[in-house]
Amino acid sequence: MNSHDEAKSLLIQATGKLGVMNIDVSISLEYPTNSEFGDIASNLAFILAKKMRVSPIEAADLLIKEMKSMPQKDIENISIADPGFINFHFKRDFFTTSIKNILAAGTEWGRSRNLLGSRYVVEKSAPNLFKPFHVGHLLNISIGESLSRLFTFCGAKVLAIAYPSDISLGVAKAIWALLHSNKNTELSVSVLGEAYVFGTKMYDSDPEAKKAIDVIVKKLYEHDPGDEWEIYIKGREINLEYFKEITHRLDSVFDEYIFESDAGIVGRDIVLANVPNVFERSKDTIIFNGTNYGLHTRVFLTGRGLPVYETKDIGLLKIKFDRYKPDLSLVITDIEQKQYFEVIKKAASLINPLWAQHSIYWQHGRLRFEGGKISSRYGNVPLAEDVLDEVKKHIQEKIINLRDKNHQAGDSLVESVALGALKYSFLRVKSGKNIIFDLEKSISLDGDSGPYLQYAYARANSLLERSGKEPEFENIPSVVSEFEKLLPRFVEVVEKSSTEFEPHHLVLYLTDLASAFNTWYSSVKVIDSEYEGYYLSLVKAFAITMKNGLALLGIPSPEKM
């Protein structure tokens, strides 16, 4: 039973005794910012007051009288705070037992069963092949990876997929540029990236180039053998290997790949089969008339009968639901694609309502860099690896400053801390809100950063190592510290993060926990103190919680820093 369960159970029983039924959904329990007001608080008296036509204070008093007549296991006292909040104070034994449970659970601490039996398909990345892997892909993967881990930790069976764009106008632009420059025999990721940029420029400025590129697009969709197809096959393999290298570096795993080329074939058949019930002909194209539903009107098949992105996304839905039969299909997208996916979801609902009912398009905000520009080799968006390397360069300086000046920090440690800095910055923000990446703040060890959490974890490990003793529970202080009170909340935060699809809840909790640990550690003597055994149990419980929490965010937890 967690800290919410007993309090909620008492409140439900009390409202029943007062003749107010079916109110359990209205019961909200929060942690007071000031622990003097209790360990957990409820605003139920305000809701009850309206139903019973009394003041919130009177309603709270009636509830407390009923609850005090009931048996209580972990609750020591229940009080009222103006103007009618009900505050629960827990016994010392509740927190001591919680610490014992954390130590016993270890890597399983925080695991929940609230999603047990669910099947989730999470689309963590949709990379454009023949196009550089930029920081936006890094953002998508970081969010998708954390959500996948949270869902799995809470009992869901999760299938992580990538949805590469392998045949498109962009691919044709790159292939044309390679043929035009005679670089098709020396293919590499950088050559393909340069070709994409050049091909895009020429498509927009040279009518002859545009005409030739449009021919290549048609050849690719028709799998027409020739030089274009040969370059396409080689380039696709090079880019897929590059994608796998980057995702391995990010510690992100994909169970399966579904390619746009396959989704396009499926989607085209669906669109044609649903004319005129869902789609309609407009001149030489086939469109979805979104204005009928207050949305945008979009083309689904071009005049040459070629599927565009919209058609491919419809095909992708059919593939997902036919192949995996998920309870939820989750796609990580940019906020600027919100209206686009509203059209996709509406069209899907008219073809197969199940697809729309069980699909969520999770939007993150726009990413902006602050405190120094990170250069970009292609276009105006920095590449993922360039961002990582720039952060690593700054991290190297920080770690050297913290350690022996003559000792060079290992690359694996620098890489781990750089990933912590990036992923924390991405995950600390609520869905839909813009993300500001400040290089200096992201690597700060003073709080509100990934390295701050990693350093707190490494500090706890160092303390346990220096002590050389095992935690014990023979001599326990009577006063429960604010730090200790935070530890049992971990499982509730994990559940909230998973059910609301919001990793930022976990990020904020771990930041508060690290801050509370550092404050507590600076105010007590742990080694050789009267309560050394119990204090070590708190340090170990903190290390377990931090390690498990960082793992759910996809952030490494170095043992030493």
Protein backbone atom coordinates (compact mmCIF):
# COMPACT_ATOMS: atom_id res chain seq x y z
CA MET A 1 0.00 0.00 0.00
CA ASN A 2 1.44 3.42 -0.93
CA SER A 3 0.93 6.68 0.94
CA HIS A 4 -2.17 7.52 -1.08
CA ASP A 5 -4.01 4.24 -0.60
CA GLU A 6 -4.84 4.28 3.11
CA ALA A 7 -5.80 7.97 3.11
CA LYS A 8 -8.05 7.52 0.09
CA SER A 9 -9.65 4.41 1.57
CA LEU A 10 -10.47 6.25 4.80
CA LEU A 11 -11.96 9.19 2.90
CA ILE A 12 -14.16 6.91 0.77
CA GLN A 13 -15.43 5.05 3.84
CA ALA A 14 -16.08 8.31 5.68
CA THR A 15 -18.09 9.84 2.84
CA GLY A 16 -20.16 6.65 2.69
CA LYS A 17 -20.95 6.86 6.39
CA LEU A 18 -22.03 10.46 5.88
CA GLY A 19 -24.44 9.29 3.18
CA VAL A 20 -22.47 10.65 0.22
CA MET A 21 -21.83 7.89 -2.29
CA ASN A 22 -19.82 7.49 -5.53
CA ILE A 23 -17.40 10.27 -4.73
CA ASP A 24 -14.12 8.36 -4.93
CA VAL A 25 -13.31 9.79 -8.38
CA SER A 26 -13.41 13.28 -6.88
CA ILE A 27 -10.84 12.50 -4.21
CA SER A 28 -7.59 14.31 -4.95
CA LEU A 29 -4.55 13.78 -2.76
CA GLU A 30 -1.56 16.10 -2.94
CA TYR A 31 1.71 16.55 -1.09
CA PRO A 32 1.78 19.85 0.85
CA THR A 33 4.72 22.10 0.04
CA ASN A 34 5.14 22.63 3.78
CA SER A 35 5.35 19.34 5.70
CA GLU A 36 4.01 21.06 8.82
CA PHE A 37 0.62 20.73 7.14
CA GLY A 38 1.01 16.96 6.96
CA ASP A 39 2.51 14.32 4.74
CA ILE A 40 -0.44 14.25 2.38
CA ALA A 41 -3.52 16.46 2.00
CA SER A 42 -7.01 16.30 0.47
CA ASN A 43 -9.43 18.98 -0.72
CA LEU A 44 -12.41 16.61 -0.49
CA ALA A 45 -14.09 18.78 2.17
CA PHE A 46 -14.62 21.54 -0.42
CA ILE A 47 -16.49 19.14 -2.71
CA LEU A 48 -18.44 17.61 0.16
CA ALA A 49 -19.39 21.03 1.53
CA LYS A 50 -21.36 21.86 -1.62
CA LYS A 51 -23.24 18.56 -1.52
CA MET A 52 -24.04 18.79 2.20
CA ARG A 53 -24.64 22.57 2.21
CA VAL A 54 -22.12 23.21 4.98
CA SER A 55 -18.81 25.09 5.16
CA PRO A 56 -15.58 23.30 4.11
CA ILE A 57 -14.35 23.43 7.71
CA GLU A 58 -17.55 21.75 8.93
CA ALA A 59 -17.34 19.13 6.20
CA ALA A 60 -13.70 18.44 7.09
CA ASP A 61 -14.59 18.11 10.76
CA LEU A 62 -17.35 15.60 9.97
CA LEU A 63 -15.01 13.55 7.79
CA ILE A 64 -12.25 13.49 10.39
CA LYS A 65 -14.63 12.35 13.16
CA GLU A 66 -15.69 9.41 10.99
CA MET A 67 -12.11 8.53 10.00
CA LYS A 68 -10.80 8.63 13.56
CA SER A 69 -13.32 5.95 14.48
CA MET A 70 -11.81 3.61 11.87
CA PRO A 71 -8.73 1.39 12.29
CA GLN A 72 -5.57 2.99 10.90
CA LYS A 73 -2.30 1.30 10.07
CA ASP A 74 0.15 3.95 8.93
CA ILE A 75 -1.62 7.21 9.76
CA GLU A 76 -0.68 8.80 13.07
CA ASN A 77 -2.88 11.89 12.99
CA ILE A 78 -5.47 13.68 10.83
CA SER A 79 -5.91 17.44 11.12
CA ILE A 80 -7.68 20.39 9.48
CA ALA A 81 -6.00 23.42 7.91
CA ASP A 82 -7.86 26.54 6.86
CA PRO A 83 -9.97 26.90 4.88
CA GLY A 84 -10.82 23.17 4.97
CA PHE A 85 -7.92 21.00 3.84
CA ILE A 86 -7.62 17.58 5.48
CA ASN A 87 -4.02 16.72 6.37
CA PHE A 88 -2.72 13.23 7.08
CA HIS A 89 0.41 12.68 9.17
CA PHE A 90 2.14 9.30 8.84
CA LYS A 91 3.85 7.29 11.55
CA ARG A 92 7.60 6.94 11.73
CA ASP A 93 7.17 3.19 11.10
CA PHE A 94 5.58 3.93 7.72
CA PHE A 95 8.74 5.64 6.48
CA THR A 96 11.08 3.09 8.06
CA THR A 97 9.18 0.25 6.42
CA SER A 98 9.26 2.13 3.11
CA ILE A 99 13.07 2.31 3.26
CA LYS A 100 13.26 -1.42 4.01
CA ASN A 101 11.02 -2.12 1.03
CA ILE A 102 13.20 -0.01 -1.28
CA LEU A 103 16.34 -1.89 -0.23
CA ALA A 104 14.60 -5.25 -0.67
CA ALA A 105 13.20 -4.36 -4.10
CA GLY A 106 16.45 -2.99 -5.54
CA THR A 107 16.19 -2.71 -9.32
CA GLU A 108 12.49 -3.59 -9.06
CA TRP A 109 11.74 -0.61 -6.82
CA GLY A 110 9.08 1.59 -8.35
CA ARG A 111 7.75 -1.09 -10.71
CA SER A 112 3.99 -0.91 -11.14
CA ARG A 113 1.27 -3.14 -12.56
CA ASN A 114 -1.10 -0.36 -13.58
CA LEU A 115 -0.56 -1.05 -17.31
CA LEU A 116 -0.37 -4.84 -17.01
CA GLY A 117 -1.98 -6.57 -19.98
CA SER A 118 -1.72 -3.55 -22.29
CA ARG A 119 -0.04 -3.72 -25.70
CA TYR A 120 1.61 -0.48 -26.82
CA VAL A 121 3.29 0.34 -30.11
CA VAL A 122 5.58 3.35 -29.75
CA GLU A 123 6.90 5.06 -32.87
CA LYS A 124 10.05 6.67 -31.50
CA SER A 125 11.58 7.93 -34.72
CA ALA A 126 10.77 8.57 -38.37
CA PRO A 127 14.17 9.33 -39.89
CA ASN A 128 14.46 10.65 -43.43
CA LEU A 129 16.94 8.47 -45.28
CA PHE A 130 19.33 10.31 -47.59
CA LYS A 131 19.00 13.26 -45.22
CA PRO A 132 21.18 14.13 -42.20
CA PHE A 133 20.07 12.84 -38.78
CA HIS A 134 19.44 16.13 -37.01
CA VAL A 135 18.77 17.18 -33.42
CA GLY A 136 14.99 16.89 -33.91
CA HIS A 137 15.41 13.14 -34.33
CA LEU A 138 17.50 13.10 -31.16
CA LEU A 139 14.62 14.81 -29.36
CA ASN A 140 12.01 12.35 -30.67
CA ILE A 141 14.05 9.31 -29.72
CA SER A 142 14.80 10.64 -26.22
CA ILE A 143 11.10 11.16 -25.49
CA GLY A 144 9.98 7.93 -27.13
CA GLU A 145 12.64 5.91 -25.34
CA SER A 146 11.66 7.26 -21.91
CA LEU A 147 7.94 6.66 -22.52
CA SER A 148 8.68 3.12 -23.74
CA ARG A 149 10.64 2.38 -20.58
CA LEU A 150 7.94 3.86 -18.35
CA PHE A 151 5.22 1.81 -20.04
CA THR A 152 7.28 -1.38 -19.74
CA PHE A 153 8.11 -0.69 -16.07
CA CYS A 154 4.38 -0.34 -15.40
CA GLY A 155 3.53 -3.68 -16.96
CA ALA A 156 2.72 -2.93 -20.61
CA LYS A 157 4.11 -4.99 -23.45
CA VAL A 158 5.84 -2.39 -25.62
CA LEU A 159 6.95 -2.68 -29.23
CA ALA A 160 9.24 0.16 -30.31
CA ILE A 161 9.29 0.88 -34.04
CA ALA A 162 11.11 3.19 -36.42
CA TYR A 163 9.33 4.51 -39.50
CA PRO A 164 12.05 5.52 -41.98
CA SER A 165 11.14 7.68 -44.97
CA ASP A 166 12.92 5.64 -47.62
CA ILE A 167 11.14 6.78 -50.82
CA SER A 168 10.19 10.41 -51.20
CA LEU A 169 10.88 13.59 -53.14
CA GLY A 170 13.80 14.27 -50.79
CA VAL A 171 15.40 10.94 -51.66
CA ALA A 172 15.01 11.70 -55.36
CA LYS A 173 16.69 15.09 -54.89
CA ALA A 174 19.72 13.44 -53.32
CA ILE A 175 19.93 10.77 -56.04
CA TRP A 176 19.72 13.39 -58.80
CA ALA A 177 22.53 15.37 -57.16
CA LEU A 178 24.70 12.25 -56.89
CA LEU A 179 24.22 11.46 -60.57
CA HIS A 180 24.74 15.11 -61.53
CA SER A 181 28.02 15.34 -59.61
CA ASN A 182 29.24 11.83 -60.49
CA LYS A 183 29.69 11.02 -56.78
CA ASN A 184 27.46 7.95 -56.89
CA THR A 185 30.45 5.62 -56.64
CA GLU A 186 31.76 7.08 -53.36
CA LEU A 187 28.69 6.98 -51.17
CA SER A 188 28.89 7.85 -47.49
CA VAL A 189 26.64 9.55 -44.95
CA SER A 190 28.34 12.90 -45.49
CA VAL A 191 28.19 12.60 -49.29
CA LEU A 192 24.48 11.74 -49.12
CA GLY A 193 23.86 14.71 -46.81
CA GLU A 194 25.62 17.12 -49.15
CA ALA A 195 23.72 15.68 -52.10
CA TYR A 196 20.39 16.21 -50.37
CA VAL A 197 21.18 19.87 -49.67
CA PHE A 198 22.38 20.50 -53.22
CA GLY A 199 19.46 18.63 -54.79
CA THR A 200 16.95 20.62 -52.70
CA LYS A 201 18.54 23.90 -53.78
CA MET A 202 18.47 22.97 -57.47
CA TYR A 203 14.90 21.62 -57.32
CA ASP A 204 13.73 25.03 -56.10
CA SER A 205 15.81 27.08 -58.55
CA ASP A 206 16.33 25.10 -61.76
CA PRO A 207 13.24 23.99 -63.79
CA GLU A 208 15.26 21.36 -65.66
CA ALA A 209 16.56 19.88 -62.43
CA LYS A 210 13.02 19.84 -61.03
CA LYS A 211 11.75 17.99 -64.07
CA ALA A 212 14.53 15.39 -63.86
CA ILE A 213 13.98 14.88 -60.11
CA ASP A 214 10.24 14.36 -60.62
CA VAL A 215 11.06 11.60 -63.11
CA ILE A 216 13.34 9.95 -60.53
CA VAL A 217 10.53 10.01 -57.93
CA LYS A 218 8.28 8.08 -60.30
CA LYS A 219 11.03 5.58 -61.09
CA LEU A 220 11.61 4.92 -57.39
CA TYR A 221 7.94 4.31 -56.67
CA GLU A 222 7.78 1.92 -59.62
CA HIS A 223 11.03 0.15 -58.56
CA ASP A 224 12.38 0.85 -62.04
CA PRO A 225 15.80 -0.82 -62.37
CA GLY A 226 18.66 1.42 -63.40
CA ASP A 227 21.30 3.76 -62.00
CA GLU A 228 18.76 5.58 -59.80
CA TRP A 229 17.54 2.35 -58.21
CA GLU A 230 21.08 1.09 -57.67
CA ILE A 231 22.06 4.31 -55.85
CA TYR A 232 18.83 4.16 -53.86
CA ILE A 233 19.54 0.62 -52.57
CA LYS A 234 23.16 1.44 -51.61
CA GLY A 235 22.20 4.76 -50.01
CA ARG A 236 19.38 3.24 -48.02
CA GLU A 237 21.66 0.61 -46.48
CA ILE A 238 24.31 3.21 -45.61
CA ASN A 239 21.74 5.43 -43.93
CA LEU A 240 20.13 2.58 -42.03
CA GLU A 241 23.50 1.54 -40.61
CA TYR A 242 24.19 5.16 -39.68
CA PHE A 243 20.78 5.39 -37.98
CA LYS A 244 21.48 2.23 -35.99
CA GLU A 245 24.86 3.57 -34.88
CA ILE A 246 23.32 6.83 -33.65
CA THR A 247 20.45 5.09 -31.84
CA HIS A 248 22.89 2.66 -30.22
CA ARG A 249 24.85 5.66 -29.02
CA LEU A 250 21.61 6.99 -27.51
CA ASP A 251 20.97 3.61 -25.84
CA SER A 252 17.71 3.26 -27.72
CA VAL A 253 16.45 -0.02 -29.14
CA PHE A 254 14.01 -0.58 -32.00
CA ASP A 255 12.14 -3.86 -32.26
CA GLU A 256 11.00 -3.41 -35.84
CA TYR A 257 11.22 -1.09 -38.85
CA ILE A 258 8.22 -0.19 -41.00
CA PHE A 259 9.24 1.63 -44.17
CA GLU A 260 7.31 4.43 -45.82
CA SER A 261 7.61 2.65 -49.16
CA ASP A 262 5.60 -0.29 -47.78
CA ALA A 263 3.10 1.96 -46.00
CA GLY A 264 2.60 3.92 -49.23
CA ILE A 265 1.47 0.84 -51.15
CA VAL A 266 -1.00 -0.12 -48.41
CA GLY A 267 -2.21 3.45 -48.00
CA ARG A 268 -2.78 3.97 -51.71
CA ASP A 269 -5.11 0.95 -51.86
CA ILE A 270 -7.04 2.22 -48.82
CA VAL A 271 -7.49 5.70 -50.30
CA LEU A 272 -8.71 4.35 -53.65
CA ALA A 273 -11.10 1.96 -51.88
CA ASN A 274 -12.60 4.83 -49.88
CA VAL A 275 -13.48 7.18 -52.75
CA PRO A 276 -15.99 8.85 -52.53
CA ASN A 277 -17.07 7.91 -48.97
CA VAL A 278 -14.00 9.38 -47.25
CA PHE A 279 -11.84 10.86 -50.02
CA GLU A 280 -12.88 12.73 -53.14
CA ARG A 281 -11.42 13.54 -56.52
CA SER A 282 -10.33 17.11 -57.13
CA LYS A 283 -9.17 17.70 -60.70
CA ASP A 284 -6.41 15.11 -61.14
CA THR A 285 -5.73 14.48 -57.44
CA ILE A 286 -7.49 12.66 -54.60
CA ILE A 287 -8.04 14.73 -51.45
CA PHE A 288 -9.51 14.56 -47.98
CA ASN A 289 -11.85 17.54 -47.63
CA GLY A 290 -10.97 18.56 -44.09
CA THR A 291 -13.12 21.68 -44.24
CA ASN A 292 -16.14 19.43 -43.66
CA TYR A 293 -14.74 18.80 -40.17
CA GLY A 294 -13.14 22.16 -39.40
CA LEU A 295 -9.71 20.91 -40.53
CA HIS A 296 -7.34 21.45 -43.43
CA THR A 297 -7.96 19.90 -46.82
CA ARG A 298 -5.02 17.78 -47.91
CA VAL A 299 -3.95 15.87 -51.02
CA PHE A 300 -3.57 12.11 -50.52
CA LEU A 301 -2.76 10.99 -54.06
CA THR A 302 -0.99 13.19 -56.63
CA GLY A 303 -2.04 13.67 -60.22
CA ARG A 304 0.32 10.84 -61.16
CA GLY A 305 -1.32 8.58 -58.57
CA LEU A 306 1.65 8.69 -56.19
CA PRO A 307 1.06 8.43 -52.43
CA VAL A 308 2.17 11.39 -50.32
CA TYR A 309 2.98 11.47 -46.59
CA GLU A 310 -0.71 11.54 -45.63
CA THR A 311 -1.45 8.36 -47.54
CA LYS A 312 1.57 6.63 -46.07
CA ASP A 313 0.44 7.48 -42.52
CA ILE A 314 -2.94 5.89 -43.23
CA GLY A 315 -1.16 2.80 -44.58
CA LEU A 316 1.05 2.76 -41.50
CA LEU A 317 -2.01 2.62 -39.24
CA LYS A 318 -3.36 -0.42 -41.06
CA ILE A 319 0.01 -2.17 -40.87
CA LYS A 320 0.32 -1.46 -37.13
CA PHE A 321 -3.17 -2.59 -36.19
CA ASP A 322 -3.21 -5.63 -38.49
CA ARG A 323 0.24 -6.78 -37.43
CA TYR A 324 0.40 -5.91 -33.72
CA LYS A 325 -3.22 -5.31 -32.59
CA PRO A 326 -2.15 -2.64 -30.06
CA ASP A 327 -4.28 -1.14 -27.32
CA LEU A 328 -2.38 2.06 -28.05
CA SER A 329 -0.38 3.37 -30.99
CA LEU A 330 1.76 6.28 -29.80
CA VAL A 331 3.59 8.52 -32.27
CA ILE A 332 6.11 11.15 -31.13
CA THR A 333 5.80 14.27 -33.29
CA ASP A 334 6.58 17.98 -33.41
CA ILE A 335 3.93 20.50 -32.30
CA GLU A 336 4.03 22.00 -35.80
CA GLN A 337 2.57 18.73 -37.10
CA LYS A 338 -0.45 18.93 -34.81
CA GLN A 339 -2.91 20.04 -37.50
CA TYR A 340 -1.47 17.55 -39.97
CA PHE A 341 -2.11 14.64 -37.61
CA GLU A 342 -5.58 15.94 -36.75
CA VAL A 343 -6.42 15.39 -40.43
CA ILE A 344 -4.83 11.91 -40.41
CA LYS A 345 -6.73 10.91 -37.28
CA LYS A 346 -10.05 12.18 -38.62
CA ALA A 347 -9.62 10.39 -41.94
CA ALA A 348 -8.62 7.24 -40.04
CA SER A 349 -11.74 7.45 -37.88
CA LEU A 350 -13.91 7.36 -41.00
CA ILE A 351 -12.05 4.35 -42.45
CA ASN A 352 -11.66 2.30 -39.26
CA PRO A 353 -12.79 3.95 -36.00
CA LEU A 354 -10.54 1.58 -34.01
CA TRP A 355 -7.42 3.16 -35.51
CA ALA A 356 -8.34 6.64 -34.31
CA GLN A 357 -9.67 5.54 -30.93
CA HIS A 358 -6.44 3.78 -30.04
CA SER A 359 -3.95 6.27 -31.50
CA ILE A 360 -2.26 9.20 -29.79
CA TYR A 361 0.00 11.67 -31.57
CA TRP A 362 2.21 13.04 -28.76
CA GLN A 363 3.58 16.47 -29.61
CA HIS A 364 6.69 18.04 -28.17
CA GLY A 365 7.33 21.76 -28.53
CA ARG A 366 9.84 23.48 -30.75
CA LEU A 367 13.50 23.19 -29.79
CA ARG A 368 15.52 26.38 -29.47
CA PHE A 369 19.20 26.80 -28.66
CA GLU A 370 20.34 29.47 -26.25
CA GLY A 371 23.68 30.52 -24.86
CA GLY A 372 25.71 29.86 -27.99
CA LYS A 373 25.02 28.56 -31.47
CA ILE A 374 25.86 25.00 -32.44
CA SER A 375 27.09 24.92 -36.02
CA SER A 376 25.30 22.94 -38.71
CA ARG A 377 26.92 21.36 -41.74
CA TYR A 378 23.68 20.98 -43.69
CA GLY A 379 20.93 23.58 -43.69
CA ASN A 380 20.12 25.45 -40.48
CA VAL A 381 19.39 22.51 -38.14
CA PRO A 382 22.33 21.06 -36.17
CA LEU A 383 23.08 17.37 -36.63
CA ALA A 384 22.50 15.04 -33.70
CA GLU A 385 26.14 13.94 -33.54
CA ASP A 386 27.39 17.55 -33.71
CA VAL A 387 25.21 18.50 -30.74
CA LEU A 388 26.41 15.49 -28.78
CA ASP A 389 30.06 16.24 -29.55
CA GLU A 390 29.70 19.92 -28.62
CA VAL A 391 28.15 18.99 -25.27
CA LYS A 392 30.90 16.40 -24.73
CA LYS A 393 33.56 19.04 -25.29
CA HIS A 394 32.08 21.23 -22.56
CA ILE A 395 31.50 18.27 -20.23
CA GLN A 396 35.15 17.23 -20.58
CA GLU A 397 36.21 20.62 -19.21
CA LYS A 398 33.77 20.40 -16.30
CA ILE A 399 34.80 16.89 -15.30
CA ILE A 400 38.49 17.77 -15.45
CA ASN A 401 37.82 20.74 -13.17
CA LEU A 402 36.12 18.45 -10.65
CA ARG A 403 38.78 15.77 -10.72
CA ASP A 404 42.55 15.61 -10.61
CA LYS A 405 43.84 18.20 -13.10
CA ASN A 406 46.24 15.65 -14.49
CA HIS A 407 43.56 13.01 -15.05
CA GLN A 408 41.71 12.91 -18.34
CA ALA A 409 38.12 11.74 -17.92
CA GLY A 410 37.33 8.62 -19.95
CA ASP A 411 35.30 9.02 -23.13
CA SER A 412 32.55 6.67 -21.92
CA LEU A 413 32.03 8.82 -18.81
CA VAL A 414 31.98 12.03 -20.84
CA GLU A 415 29.52 10.47 -23.28
CA SER A 416 27.26 9.34 -20.40
CA VAL A 417 27.20 12.79 -18.83
CA ALA A 418 26.60 14.44 -22.21
CA LEU A 419 23.60 12.18 -22.78
CA GLY A 420 22.36 13.09 -19.31
CA ALA A 421 22.65 16.79 -20.11
CA LEU A 422 20.76 16.47 -23.40
CA LYS A 423 18.03 14.08 -22.35
CA TYR A 424 17.27 15.95 -19.13
CA SER A 425 16.84 19.18 -21.10
CA PHE A 426 14.44 17.45 -23.49
CA LEU A 427 12.43 15.55 -20.89
CA ARG A 428 12.03 18.23 -18.24
CA VAL A 429 9.43 20.06 -20.35
CA LYS A 430 5.74 19.18 -20.51
CA SER A 431 4.37 17.94 -23.84
CA GLY A 432 3.57 20.71 -26.32
CA LYS A 433 5.74 23.29 -24.55
CA ASN A 434 8.76 24.74 -26.31
CA ILE A 435 12.15 23.45 -25.24
CA ILE A 436 15.08 25.76 -24.66
CA PHE A 437 18.47 24.08 -24.71
CA ASP A 438 21.06 26.20 -22.93
CA LEU A 439 24.46 24.53 -23.21
CA GLU A 440 25.91 26.04 -20.03
CA LYS A 441 22.84 25.35 -17.90
CA SER A 442 22.51 21.82 -19.25
CA ILE A 443 25.93 20.83 -17.90
CA SER A 444 25.67 22.67 -14.59
CA LEU A 445 26.24 20.68 -11.40
CA ASP A 446 24.29 23.18 -9.30
CA GLY A 447 20.81 21.83 -10.01
CA ASP A 448 18.14 21.44 -12.70
CA SER A 449 20.32 19.41 -15.03
CA GLY A 450 21.07 15.81 -15.92
CA PRO A 451 24.67 15.96 -14.63
CA TYR A 452 23.31 17.27 -11.30
CA LEU A 453 21.28 14.08 -10.87
CA GLN A 454 24.16 11.90 -12.04
CA TYR A 455 26.55 13.60 -9.64
CA ALA A 456 24.15 13.15 -6.72
CA TYR A 457 23.94 9.44 -7.53
CA ALA A 458 27.74 9.12 -7.80
CA ARG A 459 28.10 11.03 -4.53
CA ALA A 460 25.80 8.55 -2.75
CA ASN A 461 27.78 5.62 -4.15
CA SER A 462 31.02 7.17 -2.99
CA LEU A 463 29.63 7.60 0.51
CA LEU A 464 28.52 3.97 0.69
CA GLU A 465 31.92 2.84 -0.56
CA ARG A 466 33.82 4.96 1.98
CA SER A 467 31.72 3.64 4.82
CA GLY A 468 32.26 -0.01 3.95
CA LYS A 469 29.36 -0.94 6.24
CA GLU A 470 25.93 -2.38 5.56
CA PRO A 471 22.72 -0.46 6.29
CA GLU A 472 20.85 -1.52 9.46
CA PHE A 473 17.72 -0.55 11.35
CA GLU A 474 18.67 -0.96 15.02
CA ASN A 475 18.99 2.70 15.97
CA ILE A 476 16.47 4.95 14.19
CA PRO A 477 16.03 8.73 14.70
CA SER A 478 12.55 9.78 15.83
CA VAL A 479 12.42 12.73 13.42
CA VAL A 480 11.67 11.95 9.77
CA SER A 481 13.65 14.20 7.43
CA GLU A 482 12.12 15.89 4.39
CA PHE A 483 14.53 13.87 2.25
CA GLU A 484 13.28 10.59 3.72
CA LYS A 485 9.66 11.56 3.11
CA LEU A 486 10.31 11.99 -0.61
CA LEU A 487 11.61 8.46 -1.22
CA PRO A 488 8.30 6.50 -0.99
CA ARG A 489 6.67 8.77 -3.56
CA PHE A 490 8.69 7.30 -6.42
CA VAL A 491 6.19 4.61 -7.43
CA GLU A 492 3.34 7.14 -7.59
CA VAL A 493 5.41 9.47 -9.77
CA VAL A 494 6.29 6.60 -12.12
CA GLU A 495 2.61 5.67 -12.46
CA LYS A 496 1.62 9.29 -13.07
CA SER A 497 4.35 9.71 -15.70
CA SER A 498 3.23 6.57 -17.53
CA THR A 499 -0.53 7.17 -17.46
CA GLU A 500 -0.27 10.85 -18.43
CA PHE A 501 2.52 10.22 -21.00
CA GLU A 502 4.59 12.90 -19.26
CA PRO A 503 8.22 12.03 -18.34
CA HIS A 504 8.65 15.56 -16.97
CA HIS A 505 6.87 14.46 -13.75
CA LEU A 506 9.70 12.01 -13.10
CA VAL A 507 12.38 14.56 -14.06
CA LEU A 508 11.03 17.12 -11.58
CA TYR A 509 10.69 14.51 -8.83
CA LEU A 510 14.27 13.28 -9.23
CA THR A 511 15.52 16.87 -9.19
CA ASP A 512 13.66 17.58 -5.95
CA LEU A 513 14.94 14.30 -4.50
CA ALA A 514 18.57 15.08 -5.40
CA SER A 515 18.24 18.54 -3.89
CA ALA A 516 16.72 17.12 -0.69
CA PHE A 517 19.50 14.52 -0.47
CA ASN A 518 22.22 17.14 -0.83
CA THR A 519 20.58 19.36 1.81
CA TRP A 520 20.18 16.43 4.20
CA TYR A 521 23.72 15.20 3.62
CA SER A 522 25.17 18.64 4.40
CA SER A 523 23.18 18.84 7.66
CA VAL A 524 23.99 15.44 9.22
CA LYS A 525 27.04 13.37 9.95
CA VAL A 526 26.60 9.97 8.34
CA ILE A 527 29.80 7.99 8.95
CA ASP A 528 30.62 7.27 12.63
CA SER A 529 27.40 8.91 13.79
CA GLU A 530 24.88 7.59 16.29
CA TYR A 531 22.53 6.68 13.44
CA GLU A 532 25.15 5.56 10.91
CA GLY A 533 23.43 2.27 10.04
CA TYR A 534 20.07 3.89 9.38
CA TYR A 535 21.58 6.87 7.57
CA LEU A 536 23.40 4.44 5.27
CA SER A 537 20.05 2.77 4.55
CA LEU A 538 18.71 6.17 3.46
CA VAL A 539 21.73 6.77 1.24
CA LYS A 540 21.36 3.34 -0.36
CA ALA A 541 17.60 3.84 -0.84
CA PHE A 542 18.34 7.15 -2.51
CA ALA A 543 20.94 5.55 -4.81
CA ILE A 544 18.47 2.82 -5.81
CA THR A 545 15.69 5.32 -6.48
CA MET A 546 17.94 7.64 -8.47
CA LYS A 547 19.42 4.82 -10.56
CA ASN A 548 15.99 3.36 -11.36
CA GLY A 549 14.58 6.80 -12.14
CA LEU A 550 17.47 7.75 -14.43
CA ALA A 551 17.11 4.42 -16.24
CA LEU A 552 13.44 5.21 -16.93
CA LEU A 553 14.51 8.50 -18.48
CA GLY A 554 17.14 6.75 -20.60
CA ILE A 555 19.89 8.62 -18.73
CA PRO A 556 23.07 6.71 -17.76
CA SER A 557 24.04 6.61 -14.08
CA PRO A 558 27.87 6.65 -13.75
CA GLU A 559 29.13 5.09 -10.52
CA LYS A 560 31.82 7.77 -10.23
CA MET A 561 32.20 11.33 -11.47
